[in-house]
């Protein structure tokens, strides 16, 4: 029974061959949708984060990716020194700065 179904599908497949570009159209449409819904917004966020990291200055209030709030005491090439409490300084990779905080420290 399976053999006869396979033979019928082979015979029908040989008779109806459409445009191969038309069969790729759904795949291309899926890629376009993924590009505009996933890839492009992620690239925009990444560029915005890079600009934020390049604009870090001493005295900026920041939040790390782990949720620690602090004030930048020193900016180095790849790291920043963040004061998180009186007399407590932590050296953090710039890439782990999630954003700037608008709040003043201690409130």
PDB file of N, CA and C in Angstrom:
ATOM      1  N   UNK A   1       0.822  -1.186   0.000  1.00  0.00           N
ATOM      2  CA  UNK A   1       0.000   0.000   0.000  1.00  0.00           C
ATOM      3  C   UNK A   1       0.871   1.257   0.000  1.00  0.00           C
ATOM      4  N   UNK A   2       1.888   1.270   0.867  1.00  0.00           N
ATOM      5  CA  UNK A   2       2.782   2.427   0.904  1.00  0.00           C
ATOM      6  C   UNK A   2       3.537   2.587  -0.408  1.00  0.00           C
ATOM      7  N   UNK A   3       3.888   1.462  -1.002  1.00  0.00           N
ATOM      8  CA  UNK A   3       4.618   1.504  -2.263  1.00  0.00           C
ATOM      9  C   UNK A   3       3.770   2.133  -3.356  1.00  0.00           C
ATOM     10  N   UNK A   4       2.485   1.807  -3.388  1.00  0.00           N
ATOM     11  CA  UNK A   4       1.613   2.377  -4.423  1.00  0.00           C
ATOM     12  C   UNK A   4       1.413   3.875  -4.200  1.00  0.00           C
ATOM     13  N   UNK A   5       1.301   4.316  -2.933  1.00  0.00           N
ATOM     14  CA  UNK A   5       1.179   5.743  -2.646  1.00  0.00           C
ATOM     15  C   UNK A   5       2.446   6.496  -3.062  1.00  0.00           C
ATOM     16  N   UNK A   6       3.595   5.884  -2.806  1.00  0.00           N
ATOM     17  CA  UNK A   6       4.867   6.496  -3.174  1.00  0.00           C
ATOM     18  C   UNK A   6       4.980   6.631  -4.685  1.00  0.00           C
ATOM     19  N   UNK A   7       4.561   5.587  -5.426  1.00  0.00           N
ATOM     20  CA  UNK A   7       4.626   5.638  -6.888  1.00  0.00           C
ATOM     21  C   UNK A   7       3.691   6.707  -7.442  1.00  0.00           C
ATOM     22  N   UNK A   8       2.499   6.826  -6.845  1.00  0.00           N
ATOM     23  CA  UNK A   8       1.554   7.834  -7.317  1.00  0.00           C
ATOM     24  C   UNK A   8       2.095   9.248  -7.069  1.00  0.00           C
ATOM     25  N   UNK A   9       2.700   9.448  -5.905  1.00  0.00           N
ATOM     26  CA  UNK A   9       3.232  10.784  -5.622  1.00  0.00           C
ATOM     27  C   UNK A   9       4.406  11.109  -6.529  1.00  0.00           C
ATOM     28  N   UNK A  10       5.214  10.111  -6.869  1.00  0.00           N
ATOM     29  CA  UNK A  10       6.336  10.341  -7.786  1.00  0.00           C
ATOM     30  C   UNK A  10       5.829  10.691  -9.175  1.00  0.00           C
ATOM     31  N   UNK A  11       4.780  10.004  -9.611  1.00  0.00           N
ATOM     32  CA  UNK A  11       4.237  10.280 -10.940  1.00  0.00           C
ATOM     33  C   UNK A  11       3.606  11.672 -10.991  1.00  0.00           C
ATOM     34  N   UNK A  12       2.905  12.041  -9.940  1.00  0.00           N
ATOM     35  CA  UNK A  12       2.287  13.363  -9.913  1.00  0.00           C
ATOM     36  C   UNK A  12       3.349  14.453  -9.797  1.00  0.00           C
ATOM     37  N   UNK A  13       4.399  14.192  -9.034  1.00  0.00           N
ATOM     38  CA  UNK A  13       5.474  15.166  -8.866  1.00  0.00           C
ATOM     39  C   UNK A  13       6.198  15.396 -10.178  1.00  0.00           C
ATOM     40  N   UNK A  14       6.326  14.376 -10.991  1.00  0.00           N
ATOM     41  CA  UNK A  14       6.989  14.515 -12.278  1.00  0.00           C
ATOM     42  C   UNK A  14       6.164  15.314 -13.259  1.00  0.00           C
ATOM     43  N   UNK A  15       4.847  15.284 -13.116  1.00  0.00           N
ATOM     44  CA  UNK A  15       3.969  15.986 -14.045  1.00  0.00           C
ATOM     45  C   UNK A  15       3.810  17.463 -13.682  1.00  0.00           C
ATOM     46  N   UNK A  16       3.839  17.781 -12.399  1.00  0.00           N
ATOM     47  CA  UNK A  16       3.575  19.144 -11.977  1.00  0.00           C
ATOM     48  C   UNK A  16       4.832  19.770 -11.382  1.00  0.00           C
ATOM     49  N   UNK A  17       5.639  20.304 -12.215  1.00  0.00           N
ATOM     50  CA  UNK A  17       6.814  21.011 -11.715  1.00  0.00           C
ATOM     51  C   UNK A  17       6.600  22.494 -11.970  1.00  0.00           C
ATOM     52  N   UNK A  18       6.556  23.247 -10.853  1.00  0.00           N
ATOM     53  CA  UNK A  18       6.318  24.679 -10.957  1.00  0.00           C
ATOM     54  C   UNK A  18       7.636  25.436 -10.987  1.00  0.00           C
ATOM     55  N   UNK A  19       7.505  26.705 -10.897  1.00  0.00           N
ATOM     56  CA  UNK A  19       8.661  27.580 -10.882  1.00  0.00           C
ATOM     57  C   UNK A  19       9.428  27.393  -9.566  1.00  0.00           C
ATOM     58  N   UNK A  20      10.722  27.085  -9.605  1.00  0.00           N
ATOM     59  CA  UNK A  20      11.469  26.873  -8.365  1.00  0.00           C
ATOM     60  C   UNK A  20      11.597  28.146  -7.533  1.00  0.00           C
ATOM     61  N   UNK A  21      11.553  29.304  -8.164  1.00  0.00           N
ATOM     62  CA  UNK A  21      11.610  30.557  -7.411  1.00  0.00           C
ATOM     63  C   UNK A  21      10.349  30.750  -6.568  1.00  0.00           C
ATOM     64  N   UNK A  22       9.235  30.258  -7.082  1.00  0.00           N
ATOM     65  CA  UNK A  22       7.980  30.375  -6.357  1.00  0.00           C
ATOM     66  C   UNK A  22       7.997  29.516  -5.093  1.00  0.00           C
ATOM     67  N   UNK A  23       8.711  28.418  -5.126  1.00  0.00           N
ATOM     68  CA  UNK A  23       8.792  27.565  -3.940  1.00  0.00           C
ATOM     69  C   UNK A  23       9.704  28.169  -2.869  1.00  0.00           C
ATOM     70  N   UNK A  24      10.607  29.079  -3.258  1.00  0.00           N
ATOM     71  CA  UNK A  24      11.483  29.747  -2.296  1.00  0.00           C
ATOM     72  C   UNK A  24      10.854  31.000  -1.691  1.00  0.00           C
ATOM     73  N   UNK A  25       9.765  31.450  -2.267  1.00  0.00           N
ATOM     74  CA  UNK A  25       9.121  32.679  -1.811  1.00  0.00           C
ATOM     75  C   UNK A  25       8.731  32.645  -0.325  1.00  0.00           C
ATOM     76  N   UNK A  26       8.114  31.591   0.187  1.00  0.00           N
ATOM     77  CA  UNK A  26       7.792  31.580   1.627  1.00  0.00           C
ATOM     78  C   UNK A  26       9.031  31.683   2.513  1.00  0.00           C
ATOM     79  N   UNK A  27      10.117  31.058   2.111  1.00  0.00           N
ATOM     80  CA  UNK A  27      11.358  31.114   2.879  1.00  0.00           C
ATOM     81  C   UNK A  27      11.908  32.539   2.903  1.00  0.00           C
ATOM     82  N   UNK A  28      11.860  33.219   1.781  1.00  0.00           N
ATOM     83  CA  UNK A  28      12.331  34.602   1.698  1.00  0.00           C
ATOM     84  C   UNK A  28      11.449  35.513   2.551  1.00  0.00           C
ATOM     85  N   UNK A  29      10.149  35.300   2.505  1.00  0.00           N
ATOM     86  CA  UNK A  29       9.233  36.112   3.307  1.00  0.00           C
ATOM     87  C   UNK A  29       9.474  35.911   4.799  1.00  0.00           C
ATOM     88  N   UNK A  30       9.745  34.687   5.211  1.00  0.00           N
ATOM     89  CA  UNK A  30      10.042  34.414   6.618  1.00  0.00           C
ATOM     90  C   UNK A  30      11.320  35.140   7.030  1.00  0.00           C
ATOM     91  N   UNK A  31      12.345  35.124   6.191  1.00  0.00           N
ATOM     92  CA  UNK A  31      13.583  35.823   6.501  1.00  0.00           C
ATOM     93  C   UNK A  31      13.352  37.329   6.630  1.00  0.00           C
ATOM     94  N   UNK A  32      12.562  37.900   5.746  1.00  0.00           N
ATOM     95  CA  UNK A  32      12.279  39.339   5.798  1.00  0.00           C
ATOM     96  C   UNK A  32      11.557  39.693   7.096  1.00  0.00           C
ATOM     97  N   UNK A  33      10.589  38.881   7.477  1.00  0.00           N
ATOM     98  CA  UNK A  33       9.857  39.129   8.716  1.00  0.00           C
ATOM     99  C   UNK A  33      10.796  39.033   9.917  1.00  0.00           C
ATOM    100  N   UNK A  34      11.644  38.009   9.956  1.00  0.00           N
ATOM    101  CA  UNK A  34      12.603  37.871  11.044  1.00  0.00           C
ATOM    102  C   UNK A  34      13.558  39.062  11.088  1.00  0.00           C
ATOM    103  N   UNK A  35      13.978  39.539   9.931  1.00  0.00           N
ATOM    104  CA  UNK A  35      14.902  40.673   9.894  1.00  0.00           C
ATOM    105  C   UNK A  35      14.271  41.904  10.539  1.00  0.00           C
ATOM    106  N   UNK A  36      13.038  42.220  10.135  1.00  0.00           N
ATOM    107  CA  UNK A  36      12.413  43.440  10.638  1.00  0.00           C
ATOM    108  C   UNK A  36      11.878  43.306  12.060  1.00  0.00           C
ATOM    109  N   UNK A  37      11.564  42.102  12.505  1.00  0.00           N
ATOM    110  CA  UNK A  37      11.028  41.937  13.854  1.00  0.00           C
ATOM    111  C   UNK A  37      12.080  41.584  14.900  1.00  0.00           C
ATOM    112  N   UNK A  38      13.187  40.963  14.497  1.00  0.00           N
ATOM    113  CA  UNK A  38      14.180  40.507  15.467  1.00  0.00           C
ATOM    114  C   UNK A  38      15.563  41.114  15.265  1.00  0.00           C
ATOM    115  N   UNK A  39      16.103  40.999  14.086  1.00  0.00           N
ATOM    116  CA  UNK A  39      17.498  41.369  13.848  1.00  0.00           C
ATOM    117  C   UNK A  39      17.686  42.885  13.883  1.00  0.00           C
ATOM    118  N   UNK A  40      16.888  43.612  13.147  1.00  0.00           N
ATOM    119  CA  UNK A  40      17.052  45.068  13.063  1.00  0.00           C
ATOM    120  C   UNK A  40      16.856  45.771  14.409  1.00  0.00           C
ATOM    121  N   UNK A  41      15.808  45.458  15.180  1.00  0.00           N
ATOM    122  CA  UNK A  41      15.679  46.118  16.499  1.00  0.00           C
ATOM    123  C   UNK A  41      16.841  45.790  17.434  1.00  0.00           C
ATOM    124  N   UNK A  42      17.365  44.562  17.362  1.00  0.00           N
ATOM    125  CA  UNK A  42      18.501  44.197  18.210  1.00  0.00           C
ATOM    126  C   UNK A  42      19.743  45.003  17.821  1.00  0.00           C
ATOM    127  N   UNK A  43      19.960  45.209  16.544  1.00  0.00           N
ATOM    128  CA  UNK A  43      21.094  46.009  16.095  1.00  0.00           C
ATOM    129  C   UNK A  43      20.960  47.459  16.563  1.00  0.00           C
ATOM    130  N   UNK A  44      19.741  47.990  16.535  1.00  0.00           N
ATOM    131  CA  UNK A  44      19.524  49.360  17.010  1.00  0.00           C
ATOM    132  C   UNK A  44      19.822  49.471  18.504  1.00  0.00           C
ATOM    133  N   UNK A  45      19.352  48.479  19.280  1.00  0.00           N
ATOM    134  CA  UNK A  45      19.624  48.492  20.722  1.00  0.00           C
ATOM    135  C   UNK A  45      21.114  48.399  20.997  1.00  0.00           C
ATOM    136  N   UNK A  46      21.808  47.587  20.216  1.00  0.00           N
ATOM    137  CA  UNK A  46      23.247  47.413  20.408  1.00  0.00           C
ATOM    138  C   UNK A  46      23.996  48.711  20.097  1.00  0.00           C
ATOM    139  N   UNK A  47      23.627  49.404  19.048  1.00  0.00           N
ATOM    140  CA  UNK A  47      24.257  50.684  18.714  1.00  0.00           C
ATOM    141  C   UNK A  47      23.986  51.725  19.796  1.00  0.00           C
ATOM    142  N   UNK A  48      22.768  51.756  20.321  1.00  0.00           N
ATOM    143  CA  UNK A  48      22.414  52.696  21.378  1.00  0.00           C
ATOM    144  C   UNK A  48      23.238  52.406  22.637  1.00  0.00           C
ATOM    145  N   UNK A  49      23.427  51.133  22.961  1.00  0.00           N
ATOM    146  CA  UNK A  49      24.215  50.753  24.136  1.00  0.00           C
ATOM    147  C   UNK A  49      25.684  51.128  23.945  1.00  0.00           C
ATOM    148  N   UNK A  50      26.219  50.958  22.747  1.00  0.00           N
ATOM    149  CA  UNK A  50      27.605  51.340  22.474  1.00  0.00           C
ATOM    150  C   UNK A  50      27.788  52.850  22.649  1.00  0.00           C
ATOM    151  N   UNK A  51      26.822  53.645  22.181  1.00  0.00           N
ATOM    152  CA  UNK A  51      26.900  55.094  22.362  1.00  0.00           C
ATOM    153  C   UNK A  51      26.861  55.457  23.838  1.00  0.00           C
ATOM    154  N   UNK A  52      26.033  54.752  24.603  1.00  0.00           N
ATOM    155  CA  UNK A  52      25.946  54.984  26.038  1.00  0.00           C
ATOM    156  C   UNK A  52      27.282  54.694  26.706  1.00  0.00           C
ATOM    157  N   UNK A  53      27.917  53.596  26.343  1.00  0.00           N
ATOM    158  CA  UNK A  53      29.197  53.222  26.946  1.00  0.00           C
ATOM    159  C   UNK A  53      30.298  54.214  26.589  1.00  0.00           C
ATOM    160  N   UNK A  54      30.270  54.733  25.377  1.00  0.00           N
ATOM    161  CA  UNK A  54      31.288  55.698  24.969  1.00  0.00           C
ATOM    162  C   UNK A  54      31.088  57.044  25.653  1.00  0.00           C
ATOM    163  N   UNK A  55      29.865  57.346  26.086  1.00  0.00           N
ATOM    164  CA  UNK A  55      29.568  58.640  26.688  1.00  0.00           C
ATOM    165  C   UNK A  55      29.672  58.620  28.211  1.00  0.00           C
ATOM    166  N   UNK A  56      30.132  57.526  28.797  1.00  0.00           N
ATOM    167  CA  UNK A  56      30.248  57.462  30.263  1.00  0.00           C
ATOM    168  C   UNK A  56      31.312  58.437  30.750  1.00  0.00           C
ATOM    169  N   UNK A  57      30.973  59.183  31.805  1.00  0.00           N
ATOM    170  CA  UNK A  57      31.887  60.153  32.400  1.00  0.00           C
ATOM    171  C   UNK A  57      31.911  59.976  33.907  1.00  0.00           C
ATOM    172  N   UNK A  58      32.927  60.551  34.497  1.00  0.00           N
ATOM    173  CA  UNK A  58      33.050  60.529  35.946  1.00  0.00           C
ATOM    174  C   UNK A  58      31.865  61.280  36.566  1.00  0.00           C
ATOM    175  N   UNK A  59      31.269  60.686  37.594  1.00  0.00           N
ATOM    176  CA  UNK A  59      30.141  61.309  38.267  1.00  0.00           C
ATOM    177  C   UNK A  59      28.779  60.852  37.778  1.00  0.00           C
ATOM    178  N   UNK A  60      28.730  60.093  36.693  1.00  0.00           N
ATOM    179  CA  UNK A  60      27.451  59.589  36.181  1.00  0.00           C
ATOM    180  C   UNK A  60      26.879  58.532  37.119  1.00  0.00           C
ATOM    181  N   UNK A  61      25.580  58.590  37.317  1.00  0.00           N
ATOM    182  CA  UNK A  61      24.875  57.557  38.080  1.00  0.00           C
ATOM    183  C   UNK A  61      24.541  56.431  37.118  1.00  0.00           C
ATOM    184  N   UNK A  62      24.951  55.197  37.439  1.00  0.00           N
ATOM    185  CA  UNK A  62      24.736  54.071  36.536  1.00  0.00           C
ATOM    186  C   UNK A  62      24.089  52.899  37.261  1.00  0.00           C
ATOM    187  N   UNK A  63      23.530  52.012  36.461  1.00  0.00           N
ATOM    188  CA  UNK A  63      22.978  50.751  36.947  1.00  0.00           C
ATOM    189  C   UNK A  63      23.687  49.646  36.176  1.00  0.00           C
ATOM    190  N   UNK A  64      24.199  48.649  36.880  1.00  0.00           N
ATOM    191  CA  UNK A  64      24.870  47.533  36.225  1.00  0.00           C
ATOM    192  C   UNK A  64      23.831  46.503  35.785  1.00  0.00           C
ATOM    193  N   UNK A  65      24.261  45.555  34.974  1.00  0.00           N
ATOM    194  CA  UNK A  65      23.350  44.511  34.511  1.00  0.00           C
ATOM    195  C   UNK A  65      22.890  43.619  35.656  1.00  0.00           C
ATOM    196  N   UNK A  66      23.617  43.609  36.774  1.00  0.00           N
ATOM    197  CA  UNK A  66      23.194  42.824  37.937  1.00  0.00           C
ATOM    198  C   UNK A  66      22.317  43.627  38.883  1.00  0.00           C
ATOM    199  N   UNK A  67      22.059  44.892  38.566  1.00  0.00           N
ATOM    200  CA  UNK A  67      21.148  45.703  39.352  1.00  0.00           C
ATOM    201  C   UNK A  67      21.798  46.570  40.406  1.00  0.00           C
ATOM    202  N   UNK A  68      23.112  46.677  40.403  1.00  0.00           N
ATOM    203  CA  UNK A  68      23.805  47.507  41.381  1.00  0.00           C
ATOM    204  C   UNK A  68      23.818  48.953  40.903  1.00  0.00           C
ATOM    205  N   UNK A  69      23.405  49.853  41.790  1.00  0.00           N
ATOM    206  CA  UNK A  69      23.408  51.285  41.488  1.00  0.00           C
ATOM    207  C   UNK A  69      24.675  51.894  42.067  1.00  0.00           C
ATOM    208  N   UNK A  70      25.270  52.812  41.347  1.00  0.00           N
ATOM    209  CA  UNK A  70      26.464  53.470  41.846  1.00  0.00           C
ATOM    210  C   UNK A  70      26.835  54.681  41.024  1.00  0.00           C
ATOM    211  N   UNK A  71      27.925  55.322  41.430  1.00  0.00           N
ATOM    212  CA  UNK A  71      28.440  56.513  40.759  1.00  0.00           C
ATOM    213  C   UNK A  71      29.813  56.196  40.187  1.00  0.00           C
ATOM    214  N   UNK A  72      30.056  56.598  38.964  1.00  0.00           N
ATOM    215  CA  UNK A  72      31.342  56.335  38.334  1.00  0.00           C
ATOM    216  C   UNK A  72      32.401  57.240  38.951  1.00  0.00           C
ATOM    217  N   UNK A  73      33.486  56.598  39.422  1.00  0.00           N
ATOM    218  CA  UNK A  73      34.590  57.344  40.015  1.00  0.00           C
ATOM    219  C   UNK A  73      35.723  57.519  39.011  1.00  0.00           C
ATOM    220  N   UNK A  74      35.882  56.559  38.115  1.00  0.00           N
ATOM    221  CA  UNK A  74      36.977  56.618  37.139  1.00  0.00           C
ATOM    222  C   UNK A  74      36.581  55.791  35.925  1.00  0.00           C
ATOM    223  N   UNK A  75      36.930  56.285  34.741  1.00  0.00           N
ATOM    224  CA  UNK A  75      36.646  55.570  33.496  1.00  0.00           C
ATOM    225  C   UNK A  75      37.962  55.159  32.873  1.00  0.00           C
ATOM    226  N   UNK A  76      38.106  53.866  32.619  1.00  0.00           N
ATOM    227  CA  UNK A  76      39.287  53.350  31.926  1.00  0.00           C
ATOM    228  C   UNK A  76      38.874  52.897  30.535  1.00  0.00           C
ATOM    229  N   UNK A  77      39.810  52.281  29.820  1.00  0.00           N
ATOM    230  CA  UNK A  77      39.519  51.880  28.452  1.00  0.00           C
ATOM    231  C   UNK A  77      38.424  50.811  28.387  1.00  0.00           C
ATOM    232  N   UNK A  78      38.555  49.752  29.183  1.00  0.00           N
ATOM    233  CA  UNK A  78      37.585  48.651  29.144  1.00  0.00           C
ATOM    234  C   UNK A  78      36.749  48.532  30.410  1.00  0.00           C
ATOM    235  N   UNK A  79      37.124  49.218  31.469  1.00  0.00           N
ATOM    236  CA  UNK A  79      36.428  49.100  32.743  1.00  0.00           C
ATOM    237  C   UNK A  79      36.097  50.471  33.313  1.00  0.00           C
ATOM    238  N   UNK A  80      35.229  50.469  34.310  1.00  0.00           N
ATOM    239  CA  UNK A  80      34.927  51.674  35.074  1.00  0.00           C
ATOM    240  C   UNK A  80      34.987  51.316  36.556  1.00  0.00           C
ATOM    241  N   UNK A  81      35.355  52.279  37.360  1.00  0.00           N
ATOM    242  CA  UNK A  81      35.345  52.084  38.804  1.00  0.00           C
ATOM    243  C   UNK A  81      34.094  52.783  39.321  1.00  0.00           C
ATOM    244  N   UNK A  82      33.253  51.989  39.992  1.00  0.00           N
ATOM    245  CA  UNK A  82      31.963  52.481  40.462  1.00  0.00           C
ATOM    246  C   UNK A  82      31.954  52.487  41.988  1.00  0.00           C
ATOM    247  N   UNK A  83      31.549  53.609  42.552  1.00  0.00           N
ATOM    248  CA  UNK A  83      31.388  53.712  44.000  1.00  0.00           C
ATOM    249  C   UNK A  83      29.952  53.301  44.313  1.00  0.00           C
ATOM    250  N   UNK A  84      29.802  52.209  45.100  1.00  0.00           N
ATOM    251  CA  UNK A  84      28.456  51.720  45.407  1.00  0.00           C
ATOM    252  C   UNK A  84      28.023  52.061  46.832  1.00  0.00           C
ATOM    253  N   UNK A  85      28.988  52.431  47.678  1.00  0.00           N
ATOM    254  CA  UNK A  85      28.701  52.882  49.046  1.00  0.00           C
ATOM    255  C   UNK A  85      29.897  53.711  49.493  1.00  0.00           C
ATOM    256  N   UNK A  86      29.799  54.331  50.647  1.00  0.00           N
ATOM    257  CA  UNK A  86      30.908  55.136  51.138  1.00  0.00           C
ATOM    258  C   UNK A  86      32.129  54.246  51.336  1.00  0.00           C
ATOM    259  N   UNK A  87      33.188  54.535  50.606  1.00  0.00           N
ATOM    260  CA  UNK A  87      34.432  53.781  50.714  1.00  0.00           C
ATOM    261  C   UNK A  87      34.437  52.451  50.000  1.00  0.00           C
ATOM    262  N   UNK A  88      33.381  52.110  49.265  1.00  0.00           N
ATOM    263  CA  UNK A  88      33.317  50.830  48.542  1.00  0.00           C
ATOM    264  C   UNK A  88      33.370  51.115  47.047  1.00  0.00           C
ATOM    265  N   UNK A  89      34.478  50.712  46.431  1.00  0.00           N
ATOM    266  CA  UNK A  89      34.654  50.900  44.992  1.00  0.00           C
ATOM    267  C   UNK A  89      34.750  49.535  44.328  1.00  0.00           C
ATOM    268  N   UNK A  90      34.115  49.416  43.185  1.00  0.00           N
ATOM    269  CA  UNK A  90      34.103  48.159  42.439  1.00  0.00           C
ATOM    270  C   UNK A  90      34.511  48.461  41.007  1.00  0.00           C
ATOM    271  N   UNK A  91      35.393  47.627  40.464  1.00  0.00           N
ATOM    272  CA  UNK A  91      35.786  47.782  39.065  1.00  0.00           C
ATOM    273  C   UNK A  91      34.917  46.846  38.223  1.00  0.00           C
ATOM    274  N   UNK A  92      34.252  47.425  37.242  1.00  0.00           N
ATOM    275  CA  UNK A  92      33.278  46.695  36.436  1.00  0.00           C
ATOM    276  C   UNK A  92      33.608  46.880  34.955  1.00  0.00           C
ATOM    277  N   UNK A  93      33.422  45.819  34.180  1.00  0.00           N
ATOM    278  CA  UNK A  93      33.558  45.923  32.724  1.00  0.00           C
ATOM    279  C   UNK A  93      32.508  46.888  32.194  1.00  0.00           C
ATOM    280  N   UNK A  94      32.884  47.691  31.226  1.00  0.00           N
ATOM    281  CA  UNK A  94      31.935  48.652  30.647  1.00  0.00           C
ATOM    282  C   UNK A  94      30.714  47.953  30.055  1.00  0.00           C
ATOM    283  N   UNK A  95      30.920  46.782  29.499  1.00  0.00           N
ATOM    284  CA  UNK A  95      29.811  46.078  28.854  1.00  0.00           C
ATOM    285  C   UNK A  95      28.723  45.672  29.841  1.00  0.00           C
ATOM    286  N   UNK A  96      29.031  45.691  31.144  1.00  0.00           N
ATOM    287  CA  UNK A  96      28.047  45.311  32.155  1.00  0.00           C
ATOM    288  C   UNK A  96      27.294  46.504  32.734  1.00  0.00           C
ATOM    289  N   UNK A  97      27.497  47.671  32.150  1.00  0.00           N
ATOM    290  CA  UNK A  97      26.708  48.838  32.530  1.00  0.00           C
ATOM    291  C   UNK A  97      25.419  48.770  31.710  1.00  0.00           C
ATOM    292  N   UNK A  98      24.290  48.650  32.408  1.00  0.00           N
ATOM    293  CA  UNK A  98      23.007  48.515  31.713  1.00  0.00           C
ATOM    294  C   UNK A  98      22.452  49.859  31.276  1.00  0.00           C
ATOM    295  N   UNK A  99      22.720  50.905  32.060  1.00  0.00           N
ATOM    296  CA  UNK A  99      22.208  52.213  31.696  1.00  0.00           C
ATOM    297  C   UNK A  99      22.534  53.249  32.740  1.00  0.00           C
ATOM    298  N   UNK A 100      22.174  54.466  32.410  1.00  0.00           N
ATOM    299  CA  UNK A 100      22.354  55.558  33.360  1.00  0.00           C
ATOM    300  C   UNK A 100      21.099  55.688  34.196  1.00  0.00           C
ATOM    301  N   UNK A 101      21.299  56.102  35.446  1.00  0.00           N
ATOM    302  CA  UNK A 101      20.192  56.289  36.361  1.00  0.00           C
ATOM    303  C   UNK A 101      19.900  57.783  36.477  1.00  0.00           C
ATOM    304  N   UNK A 102      18.636  58.145  36.501  1.00  0.00           N
ATOM    305  CA  UNK A 102      18.249  59.548  36.638  1.00  0.00           C
ATOM    306  C   UNK A 102      18.155  59.963  38.087  1.00  0.00           C
ATOM    307  N   UNK A 103      18.060  58.988  38.983  1.00  0.00           N
ATOM    308  CA  UNK A 103      17.897  59.296  40.402  1.00  0.00           C
ATOM    309  C   UNK A 103      19.222  59.720  41.011  1.00  0.00           C
ATOM    310  N   UNK A 104      19.133  60.557  42.032  1.00  0.00           N
ATOM    311  CA  UNK A 104      20.334  60.922  42.773  1.00  0.00           C
ATOM    312  C   UNK A 104      20.623  59.832  43.776  1.00  0.00           C
ATOM    313  N   UNK A 105      21.871  59.668  44.104  1.00  0.00           N
ATOM    314  CA  UNK A 105      22.298  58.589  44.988  1.00  0.00           C
ATOM    315  C   UNK A 105      21.785  58.793  46.408  1.00  0.00           C
ATOM    316  N   UNK A 106      21.301  57.707  47.008  1.00  0.00           N
ATOM    317  CA  UNK A 106      20.869  57.747  48.377  1.00  0.00           C
ATOM    318  C   UNK A 106      19.386  58.038  48.543  1.00  0.00           C
ATOM    319  N   UNK A 107      18.645  58.208  47.448  1.00  0.00           N
ATOM    320  CA  UNK A 107      17.217  58.459  47.621  1.00  0.00           C
ATOM    321  C   UNK A 107      16.385  57.383  46.996  1.00  0.00           C
TER     322      UNK A 107
END
